[in-house]
N, C-alpha and C. Protein backbone atom coordinates (compact mmCIF):
# COMPACT_ATOMS: atom_id res chain seq x y z
N MET A 1 -12.55 -8.23 -12.11
CA MET A 1 -11.62 -8.18 -12.80
C MET A 1 -11.21 -6.57 -12.90
N MET A 2 -12.68 -6.25 -13.80
CA MET A 2 -12.98 -4.96 -14.75
C MET A 2 -12.24 -3.88 -13.75
N ALA A 3 -12.84 -4.09 -12.29
CA ALA A 3 -12.72 -2.89 -11.63
C ALA A 3 -11.10 -3.01 -11.35
N ILE A 4 -10.67 -3.95 -10.68
CA ILE A 4 -8.61 -4.02 -11.03
C ILE A 4 -8.06 -3.18 -11.90
N SER A 5 -8.35 -3.86 -13.24
CA SER A 5 -7.89 -3.04 -14.07
C SER A 5 -7.97 -1.37 -14.12
N SER A 6 -8.83 -1.17 -14.63
CA SER A 6 -9.56 0.10 -14.15
C SER A 6 -8.59 1.07 -13.19
N MET A 7 -9.05 0.02 -12.12
CA MET A 7 -7.96 0.84 -11.02
C MET A 7 -6.58 1.26 -11.44
N THR A 8 -5.88 0.09 -11.90
CA THR A 8 -5.03 0.53 -12.14
C THR A 8 -3.97 1.45 -13.50
N ARG A 9 -5.08 1.09 -14.24
CA ARG A 9 -4.75 2.23 -15.27
C ARG A 9 -5.07 3.33 -15.15
N GLY A 10 -6.03 3.79 -14.15
CA GLY A 10 -5.96 5.08 -13.21
C GLY A 10 -4.93 5.62 -12.80
N ALA A 11 -4.25 4.61 -11.56
CA ALA A 11 -3.18 4.87 -11.16
C ALA A 11 -1.87 5.28 -11.84
N PHE A 12 -2.28 5.00 -13.41
CA PHE A 12 -0.21 5.12 -13.58
C PHE A 12 -0.42 6.25 -14.03
N TRP A 13 -1.13 7.52 -14.86
CA TRP A 13 -0.73 8.98 -14.63
C TRP A 13 -0.65 9.76 -13.07
N PRO A 14 -1.19 9.33 -11.90
CA PRO A 14 -0.85 9.97 -10.89
C PRO A 14 0.18 9.50 -10.43
N THR A 15 1.07 8.18 -10.83
CA THR A 15 2.01 7.75 -10.26
C THR A 15 2.93 7.91 -11.02
N LEU A 16 3.05 8.27 -12.40
CA LEU A 16 3.74 8.88 -13.40
C LEU A 16 4.95 10.18 -13.01
N VAL A 17 3.33 10.81 -12.78
CA VAL A 17 3.44 12.08 -12.39
C VAL A 17 4.57 12.60 -11.06
N GLY A 18 3.67 12.25 -10.27
CA GLY A 18 4.60 11.73 -9.02
C GLY A 18 6.01 11.34 -8.92
N ALA A 19 6.60 10.45 -9.59
CA ALA A 19 8.04 10.13 -10.37
C ALA A 19 8.80 11.43 -10.71
N ALA A 20 7.55 11.95 -11.66
CA ALA A 20 8.18 12.78 -12.66
C ALA A 20 8.81 13.92 -12.05
N VAL A 21 8.09 14.44 -10.55
CA VAL A 21 8.05 15.47 -10.00
C VAL A 21 10.00 15.07 -8.58
N CYS A 22 9.44 14.19 -7.74
CA CYS A 22 10.41 13.23 -7.16
C CYS A 22 12.05 13.76 -8.01
N LEU A 23 11.86 12.94 -8.98
CA LEU A 23 13.11 12.90 -9.97
C LEU A 23 14.01 14.09 -10.00
N ALA A 24 12.27 15.37 -10.11
CA ALA A 24 13.08 16.61 -10.57
C ALA A 24 13.86 17.35 -9.29
N GLY A 25 13.17 16.99 -8.35
CA GLY A 25 13.25 17.16 -6.89
C GLY A 25 14.68 16.45 -6.52
N CYS A 26 14.90 15.78 -6.79
CA CYS A 26 16.31 14.54 -6.22
C CYS A 26 17.29 14.97 -7.54
N ALA A 27 17.25 15.19 -8.41
CA ALA A 27 18.07 15.55 -9.93
C ALA A 27 18.73 16.84 -8.92
N THR A 28 18.07 18.16 -8.25
CA THR A 28 18.61 19.14 -8.44
C THR A 28 20.06 19.56 -8.20
N HIS A 29 20.88 18.65 -7.10
CA HIS A 29 21.97 18.57 -6.41
C HIS A 29 22.43 17.40 -6.31
N PRO A 30 23.70 17.40 -6.27
CA PRO A 30 24.26 16.00 -6.88
C PRO A 30 24.22 14.83 -4.96
N ALA A 31 23.71 14.25 -5.84
CA ALA A 31 23.15 13.03 -4.82
C ALA A 31 24.29 12.36 -3.79
N THR A 32 24.18 12.16 -2.88
CA THR A 32 24.65 10.98 -1.92
C THR A 32 24.10 10.04 -1.42
N ARG A 33 24.07 8.92 -0.90
CA ARG A 33 23.92 7.92 -0.71
C ARG A 33 22.72 8.40 0.42
N ALA A 34 23.03 8.73 0.81
CA ALA A 34 22.05 8.96 2.28
C ALA A 34 21.17 10.42 1.24
N SER A 35 21.52 10.76 1.11
CA SER A 35 20.49 11.81 0.56
C SER A 35 19.15 11.23 -0.76
N ALA A 36 19.97 9.86 -2.02
CA ALA A 36 19.22 9.54 -2.28
C ALA A 36 18.26 8.57 -1.37
N GLN A 37 18.55 7.89 -0.63
CA GLN A 37 17.94 7.13 0.03
C GLN A 37 16.51 7.71 0.82
N VAL A 38 16.80 8.91 1.25
CA VAL A 38 16.04 9.77 2.19
C VAL A 38 15.17 10.38 0.63
N CYS A 39 15.28 10.45 -0.67
CA CYS A 39 14.19 11.19 -1.58
C CYS A 39 13.65 9.69 -2.05
N VAL A 40 14.31 8.68 -2.08
CA VAL A 40 13.26 7.27 -2.47
C VAL A 40 12.17 6.77 -1.46
N ASP A 41 12.65 7.38 -0.41
CA ASP A 41 11.69 6.89 0.83
C ASP A 41 10.23 8.26 0.56
N ARG A 42 11.01 9.01 0.13
CA ARG A 42 10.14 10.21 -0.01
C ARG A 42 8.60 9.59 -0.86
N ALA A 43 10.12 10.00 -1.89
CA ALA A 43 8.78 9.78 -3.05
C ALA A 43 8.23 7.77 -2.65
N ASP A 44 8.59 6.84 -1.99
CA ASP A 44 7.73 5.73 -1.51
C ASP A 44 6.29 6.41 -0.69
N ALA A 45 6.87 7.34 -0.21
CA ALA A 45 5.27 7.73 1.22
C ALA A 45 4.30 8.48 -0.27
N ASN A 46 4.95 9.50 -0.90
CA ASN A 46 4.58 10.10 -1.64
C ASN A 46 3.16 9.23 -2.91
N ARG A 47 4.28 7.97 -3.26
CA ARG A 47 3.42 6.77 -4.04
C ARG A 47 2.02 6.12 -3.19
N ARG A 48 2.36 6.27 -1.95
CA ARG A 48 1.39 5.32 -1.01
C ARG A 48 0.61 6.30 -1.19
N ASP A 49 0.55 7.30 -0.93
CA ASP A 49 -0.31 8.25 -0.11
C ASP A 49 -1.57 8.49 -2.18
N CYS A 50 -1.04 7.99 -2.86
CA CYS A 50 -1.71 7.98 -4.19
C CYS A 50 -2.64 7.77 -4.05
N PHE A 51 -1.64 6.50 -4.20
CA PHE A 51 -2.42 4.95 -4.32
C PHE A 51 -4.20 4.63 -3.00
N GLN A 52 -3.41 5.16 -2.21
CA GLN A 52 -4.44 5.49 -1.12
C GLN A 52 -5.60 6.72 -1.51
N GLY A 53 -5.04 7.79 -2.02
CA GLY A 53 -6.46 9.13 -2.33
C GLY A 53 -7.18 7.78 -3.23
N CYS A 54 -6.46 7.72 -4.49
CA CYS A 54 -6.76 6.75 -5.62
C CYS A 54 -7.92 5.88 -5.54
N GLU A 55 -7.71 5.09 -4.30
CA GLU A 55 -8.66 4.11 -3.78
C GLU A 55 -9.72 4.13 -2.86
N GLY A 56 -9.36 5.47 -2.16
CA GLY A 56 -10.64 6.29 -1.54
C GLY A 56 -11.74 6.72 -2.72
N ASP A 57 -11.17 6.98 -3.77
CA ASP A 57 -12.48 8.05 -4.77
C ASP A 57 -12.77 6.81 -5.41
N PHE A 58 -12.21 5.71 -5.62
CA PHE A 58 -12.90 4.22 -6.89
C PHE A 58 -13.60 3.90 -5.44
N GLU A 59 -13.24 3.47 -4.00
CA GLU A 59 -14.45 3.24 -3.19
C GLU A 59 -15.66 3.70 -3.13
N LYS A 60 -16.18 5.19 -3.06
CA LYS A 60 -16.47 6.01 -2.96
C LYS A 60 -17.73 5.96 -4.29
N ALA A 61 -16.96 5.63 -5.20
CA ALA A 61 -17.52 6.13 -6.76
C ALA A 61 -18.85 4.66 -6.76
N PHE A 62 -17.80 3.56 -6.14
CA PHE A 62 -18.07 2.16 -6.93
C PHE A 62 -19.28 2.16 -5.26
N VAL A 63 -18.64 1.92 -4.61
CA VAL A 63 -20.35 2.24 -3.97
C VAL A 63 -21.78 3.44 -4.28
N GLY A 64 -21.36 4.12 -5.09
CA GLY A 64 -22.24 5.07 -5.69
C GLY A 64 -22.82 4.59 -6.54
N CYS A 65 -22.52 3.52 -7.15
CA CYS A 65 -23.15 2.60 -8.46
C CYS A 65 -24.19 1.94 -7.69
N TYR A 66 -23.99 1.84 -7.04
CA TYR A 66 -25.40 0.72 -5.97
C TYR A 66 -25.98 2.24 -5.17
N GLY A 67 -26.33 3.00 -5.39
CA GLY A 67 -26.90 4.20 -4.56
C GLY A 67 -26.96 4.70 -2.86
N ARG A 68 -26.62 5.24 -3.39
CA ARG A 68 -26.13 5.90 -1.65
C ARG A 68 -27.40 5.82 -0.67
N ASN A 69 -27.57 5.07 0.39
CA ASN A 69 -29.20 4.99 0.94
C ASN A 69 -28.20 3.86 2.26
N ALA A 70 -29.67 3.53 3.12
CA ALA A 70 -29.46 2.56 4.06
C ALA A 70 -28.95 1.73 3.80
N CYS A 71 -29.02 1.22 3.05
CA CYS A 71 -28.54 -0.59 2.17
C CYS A 71 -26.96 -0.61 2.67
N THR A 72 -26.60 0.66 1.48
CA THR A 72 -25.52 0.47 1.24
C THR A 72 -24.40 1.30 2.86
N GLY A 73 -25.09 2.08 3.60
CA GLY A 73 -24.17 2.30 4.85
C GLY A 73 -24.11 0.94 5.32
N ARG A 74 -24.94 0.62 5.30
CA ARG A 74 -24.59 -0.94 5.88
C ARG A 74 -23.58 -1.49 5.57
N CYS A 75 -23.76 -1.66 4.20
CA CYS A 75 -22.60 -2.54 4.32
C CYS A 75 -21.41 -2.43 3.95
N GLU A 76 -21.52 -0.88 4.01
CA GLU A 76 -19.73 0.12 3.91
C GLU A 76 -19.68 0.09 5.59
N THR A 77 -20.50 -0.39 6.52
CA THR A 77 -20.03 -0.71 8.09
C THR A 77 -19.45 -1.86 8.19
N GLN A 78 -20.24 -2.90 8.04
CA GLN A 78 -19.89 -3.81 7.91
C GLN A 78 -18.50 -4.30 7.55
N GLN A 79 -18.23 -3.35 5.78
CA GLN A 79 -16.74 -3.61 5.39
C GLN A 79 -15.61 -3.46 6.35
N VAL A 80 -15.80 -2.16 7.31
CA VAL A 80 -15.03 -1.72 7.89
C VAL A 80 -14.92 -2.49 9.14
N THR A 81 -15.79 -3.05 9.70
CA THR A 81 -15.81 -3.38 10.56
C THR A 81 -14.89 -5.13 9.94
N CYS A 82 -15.34 -5.34 9.27
CA CYS A 82 -14.73 -6.75 9.26
C CYS A 82 -13.12 -6.81 8.67
N GLN A 83 -12.57 -5.17 7.93
CA GLN A 83 -11.19 -5.28 7.69
C GLN A 83 -10.61 -4.57 8.86
N ALA A 84 -11.31 -3.89 9.56
CA ALA A 84 -10.57 -3.82 10.70
C ALA A 84 -9.65 -4.50 11.45
N GLY A 85 -9.83 -6.01 11.92
CA GLY A 85 -8.64 -6.32 12.64
C GLY A 85 -7.46 -6.95 11.59
N PRO A 86 -7.78 -7.34 10.22
CA PRO A 86 -6.56 -7.48 9.20
C PRO A 86 -5.65 -6.52 8.64
N LEU A 87 -6.63 -4.93 8.41
CA LEU A 87 -6.00 -4.55 7.88
C LEU A 87 -4.92 -4.01 9.68
N HIS A 88 -5.22 -4.33 10.26
CA HIS A 88 -4.11 -3.70 11.59
C HIS A 88 -2.85 -4.77 11.31
N ASP A 89 -3.20 -6.01 11.44
CA ASP A 89 -2.75 -6.98 11.39
C ASP A 89 -1.70 -7.11 10.48
N LEU A 90 -2.30 -6.45 8.87
CA LEU A 90 -0.97 -6.19 7.76
C LEU A 90 0.28 -4.83 8.05
N GLU A 91 -0.34 -3.79 8.83
CA GLU A 91 -0.08 -2.77 8.67
C GLU A 91 0.82 -3.29 10.12
N PHE A 92 0.48 -3.81 10.58
CA PHE A 92 1.84 -3.71 12.36
C PHE A 92 2.61 -5.30 11.20
N CYS A 93 2.30 -6.04 10.78
CA CYS A 93 3.35 -7.15 10.07
C CYS A 93 4.05 -5.89 8.72
N GLY A 94 3.84 -5.31 8.35
CA GLY A 94 4.69 -4.77 7.44
C GLY A 94 5.00 -3.60 7.33
N GLU A 95 4.71 -2.76 8.16
CA GLU A 95 5.07 -0.98 8.19
C GLU A 95 5.18 -0.81 9.76
N ALA A 96 4.41 -1.43 10.92
CA ALA A 96 3.94 -0.46 12.02
C ALA A 96 5.38 -0.23 12.67
N ALA A 97 5.50 1.30 12.82
CA ALA A 97 6.79 2.04 13.55
C ALA A 97 7.01 0.91 14.83
N GLU A 98 5.87 0.67 15.20
CA GLU A 98 6.17 0.20 16.92
C GLU A 98 6.37 -1.05 16.93
N ASN A 99 6.36 -1.50 15.68
CA ASN A 99 6.87 -3.21 15.75
C ASN A 99 8.64 -3.45 15.11
N PRO A 100 9.66 -3.29 16.00
CA PRO A 100 10.75 -3.74 15.35
C PRO A 100 10.51 -5.09 14.27
N HIS A 101 9.99 -5.87 14.90
CA HIS A 101 10.30 -6.88 13.49
C HIS A 101 9.16 -6.59 12.38
N SER A 102 8.61 -5.52 12.48
CA SER A 102 7.82 -5.58 10.90
C SER A 102 8.94 -5.39 9.59
N CYS A 103 8.35 -5.73 8.70
CA CYS A 103 9.69 -5.71 7.02
C CYS A 103 10.07 -4.09 7.48
N GLN A 104 9.20 -3.19 7.27
CA GLN A 104 9.88 -1.85 7.62
C GLN A 104 11.07 -1.88 8.83
N GLY A 105 10.58 -1.85 9.93
CA GLY A 105 11.64 -2.40 11.09
C GLY A 105 12.91 -3.35 10.56
N GLN A 106 12.86 -4.33 10.00
CA GLN A 106 13.89 -5.45 9.73
C GLN A 106 14.59 -4.32 8.98
N LEU A 107 14.22 -3.68 7.59
CA LEU A 107 15.27 -3.24 6.72
C LEU A 107 15.63 -2.06 7.18
N ARG A 108 15.00 -0.92 7.83
CA ARG A 108 16.01 -0.34 8.28
C ARG A 108 17.10 -0.94 9.48
N ALA A 109 16.81 -1.75 9.77
CA ALA A 109 18.00 -2.71 11.01
C ALA A 109 19.02 -3.13 9.63
N HIS A 110 18.37 -3.97 8.89
CA HIS A 110 19.62 -5.07 7.88
C HIS A 110 19.93 -3.99 7.18
N ARG A 111 19.74 -2.22 6.56
CA ARG A 111 20.48 -1.21 5.75
C ARG A 111 21.10 -0.56 6.70
N GLY A 112 20.79 -0.89 8.09
CA GLY A 112 21.98 0.02 9.14
C GLY A 112 22.68 -0.63 9.42
N ALA A 113 22.77 -1.70 9.30
CA ALA A 113 24.12 -3.22 9.41
C ALA A 113 24.85 -2.99 8.32
N CYS A 114 24.14 -2.75 6.75
CA CYS A 114 25.23 -2.72 5.71
C CYS A 114 26.54 -1.54 5.94
N ALA A 115 26.17 -0.32 6.90
CA ALA A 115 27.13 1.13 6.51
C ALA A 115 28.25 0.30 7.15
N GLY A 116 29.47 1.33 6.41
CA GLY A 116 30.71 0.54 5.90
C GLY A 116 31.09 -0.31 5.69
N ARG A 117 30.09 -1.13 5.26
CA ARG A 117 30.98 -2.33 4.31
C ARG A 117 31.37 -2.10 2.99
N PRO A 118 32.07 -3.07 2.95
CA PRO A 118 32.95 -2.80 1.53
C PRO A 118 32.00 -3.18 0.24
N ASP A 119 30.99 -4.15 0.30
CA ASP A 119 29.39 -4.52 -0.12
C ASP A 119 28.52 -3.92 0.02
N ARG A 120 28.34 -2.82 0.59
CA ARG A 120 27.26 -1.92 0.75
C ARG A 120 26.07 -2.13 -0.32
N MET A 121 26.29 -1.75 -0.93
CA MET A 121 25.32 -1.80 -2.28
C MET A 121 24.42 -3.19 -2.50
N ALA A 122 25.46 -4.28 -2.52
CA ALA A 122 24.95 -5.90 -2.37
C ALA A 122 24.32 -5.96 -0.83
N CYS A 123 24.98 -5.44 0.15
CA CYS A 123 23.75 -5.75 1.51
C CYS A 123 22.65 -5.01 0.66
N GLU A 124 22.52 -4.01 0.71
CA GLU A 124 21.37 -2.92 1.07
C GLU A 124 20.37 -3.61 -0.65
N GLU A 125 20.80 -4.03 -1.40
CA GLU A 125 19.74 -4.74 -2.09
C GLU A 125 19.25 -6.28 -1.25
N ASP A 126 20.25 -7.08 -0.76
CA ASP A 126 19.85 -8.33 -0.31
C ASP A 126 18.65 -7.56 0.56
N ALA A 127 18.83 -6.67 1.68
CA ALA A 127 18.30 -5.99 2.63
C ALA A 127 16.56 -5.80 2.21
N ARG A 128 16.56 -4.66 1.19
CA ARG A 128 15.57 -4.48 0.32
C ARG A 128 14.67 -5.83 0.02
N ARG A 129 15.66 -6.93 -0.64
CA ARG A 129 15.06 -7.81 -1.27
C ARG A 129 14.04 -8.88 -0.18
N GLY A 130 14.64 -9.05 0.87
CA GLY A 130 13.74 -9.36 2.23
C GLY A 130 13.29 -8.76 2.58
N ALA A 131 12.88 -7.86 2.71
CA ALA A 131 11.56 -7.00 3.04
C ALA A 131 10.89 -7.24 2.46
N ALA A 132 11.15 -7.20 0.87
CA ALA A 132 9.55 -7.32 -0.28
C ALA A 132 9.12 -9.06 0.07
N GLY A 133 10.00 -9.53 0.10
CA GLY A 133 9.76 -11.29 0.58
C GLY A 133 9.11 -11.25 2.24
N CYS A 134 9.46 -10.39 3.09
CA CYS A 134 8.68 -10.44 4.20
C CYS A 134 7.33 -9.84 3.85
N TRP A 135 7.10 -8.69 2.86
CA TRP A 135 5.65 -8.23 2.60
C TRP A 135 5.20 -8.94 2.19
N TYR A 136 5.30 -9.26 0.87
CA TYR A 136 4.36 -10.55 0.76
C TYR A 136 4.52 -11.95 1.60
N ALA A 137 5.30 -12.45 2.65
CA ALA A 137 4.41 -13.26 3.42
C ALA A 137 3.07 -12.22 4.47
N CYS A 138 3.76 -11.17 4.67
CA CYS A 138 2.08 -9.91 5.36
C CYS A 138 1.12 -10.79 4.44
N GLN A 139 1.13 -9.96 3.45
CA GLN A 139 0.04 -10.51 1.96
C GLN A 139 -0.99 -12.04 2.18
N ARG A 140 0.14 -12.91 1.82
CA ARG A 140 -0.67 -14.16 1.81
C ARG A 140 -0.82 -14.41 3.25
N THR A 141 -0.67 -14.11 4.61
CA THR A 141 -1.31 -14.28 5.64
C THR A 141 -2.49 -13.46 5.39
N HIS A 142 -2.32 -12.00 5.37
CA HIS A 142 -3.76 -11.48 6.05
C HIS A 142 -4.52 -11.43 4.68
N GLY A 143 -3.92 -11.32 3.52
CA GLY A 143 -4.73 -11.06 2.11
C GLY A 143 -6.11 -11.91 2.00
N PRO A 144 -5.94 -13.25 2.44
CA PRO A 144 -7.35 -13.92 1.99
C PRO A 144 -8.63 -13.51 2.85
N VAL A 145 -8.30 -13.13 4.10
CA VAL A 145 -9.26 -12.52 5.20
C VAL A 145 -9.68 -11.49 4.77
N LEU A 146 -9.10 -10.48 4.15
CA LEU A 146 -9.30 -9.14 3.43
C LEU A 146 -10.19 -9.46 1.95
N GLU A 147 -9.67 -10.44 1.17
CA GLU A 147 -10.21 -11.20 0.22
C GLU A 147 -11.87 -11.70 0.63
N ARG A 148 -11.86 -12.08 1.83
CA ARG A 148 -13.49 -12.41 1.76
C ARG A 148 -14.35 -11.71 2.28
N CYS A 149 -13.59 -10.58 3.18
CA CYS A 149 -14.23 -8.74 3.44
C CYS A 149 -14.96 -8.62 2.02
N ALA A 150 -14.00 -8.66 1.25
CA ALA A 150 -14.61 -8.41 0.05
C ALA A 150 -15.87 -9.27 -0.95
N VAL A 151 -16.00 -10.15 -1.18
CA VAL A 151 -16.29 -10.33 -1.19
C VAL A 151 -18.09 -10.35 -0.51
N ALA A 152 -17.88 -10.26 0.64
CA ALA A 152 -18.76 -10.27 1.73
C ALA A 152 -19.66 -8.45 1.34
N PHE A 153 -18.66 -7.95 1.20
CA PHE A 153 -18.77 -6.75 0.84
C PHE A 153 -20.13 -6.64 -0.83
N LYS A 154 -19.74 -7.22 -1.50
CA LYS A 154 -20.14 -7.12 -2.85
C LYS A 154 -21.19 -7.91 -2.67
N THR A 155 -21.16 -8.73 -2.00
CA THR A 155 -22.95 -9.50 -1.86
C THR A 155 -23.54 -8.35 -1.32
N CYS A 156 -23.26 -8.26 -0.13
CA CYS A 156 -24.12 -7.46 0.84
C CYS A 156 -24.52 -6.03 -0.02
N LEU A 157 -23.98 -5.50 -1.52
CA LEU A 157 -23.81 -4.59 -2.32
C LEU A 157 -25.10 -4.51 -3.00
N ASP A 158 -24.97 -6.00 -3.28
CA ASP A 158 -25.82 -6.95 -4.24
C ASP A 158 -27.28 -7.01 -3.97
N GLY A 159 -27.34 -7.12 -2.74
CA GLY A 159 -28.58 -6.85 -2.35
C GLY A 159 -29.18 -6.12 -1.96
N CYS A 160 -28.74 -4.86 -2.55
CA CYS A 160 -28.98 -3.75 -2.42
C CYS A 160 -29.93 -2.66 -3.30
N VAL A 161 -29.72 -3.53 -4.02
CA VAL A 161 -30.61 -3.24 -5.86
C VAL A 161 -31.66 -4.34 -5.86
N GLY A 162 -31.92 -3.93 -6.33
CA GLY A 162 -33.48 -5.07 -7.51
C GLY A 162 -32.78 -4.81 -8.89
N ARG A 163 -33.39 -6.39 -9.07
CA ARG A 163 -32.93 -7.31 -10.15
C ARG A 163 -33.37 -6.31 -11.83
């Protein structure tokens, strides 16, 4: 639990700075719905990139706490192998461009269907809520396997240090 709360606090400032930069960049000209959506999509991609970078830094530091050696290297290899399938499945479910039924694909299709409707804003909000529900369903489906990988990884790393 400590690592998660530290990670959350560590991601706060980069996220805040990224949001400020996006808002500054997005606010320089009058927005249209299309330009606002492009800006929001760009901000979301930047946020994901930031989190991935922070996550990678955390993982390096985390493994470093156990010492960089052949044992921790084996643990990392086992972790990558364990996570490969579930991470692919999670991405395919949630964001894969090649999967028109992914949450992101469904969101694009539903938002596209909102164009020209008098209730467009409400329609797009429903589309976003549907995509969020889809994403949570993907996480509920694939998350437990990833949790088991994390437990096995920690157990392996614990075996790399003396008592």
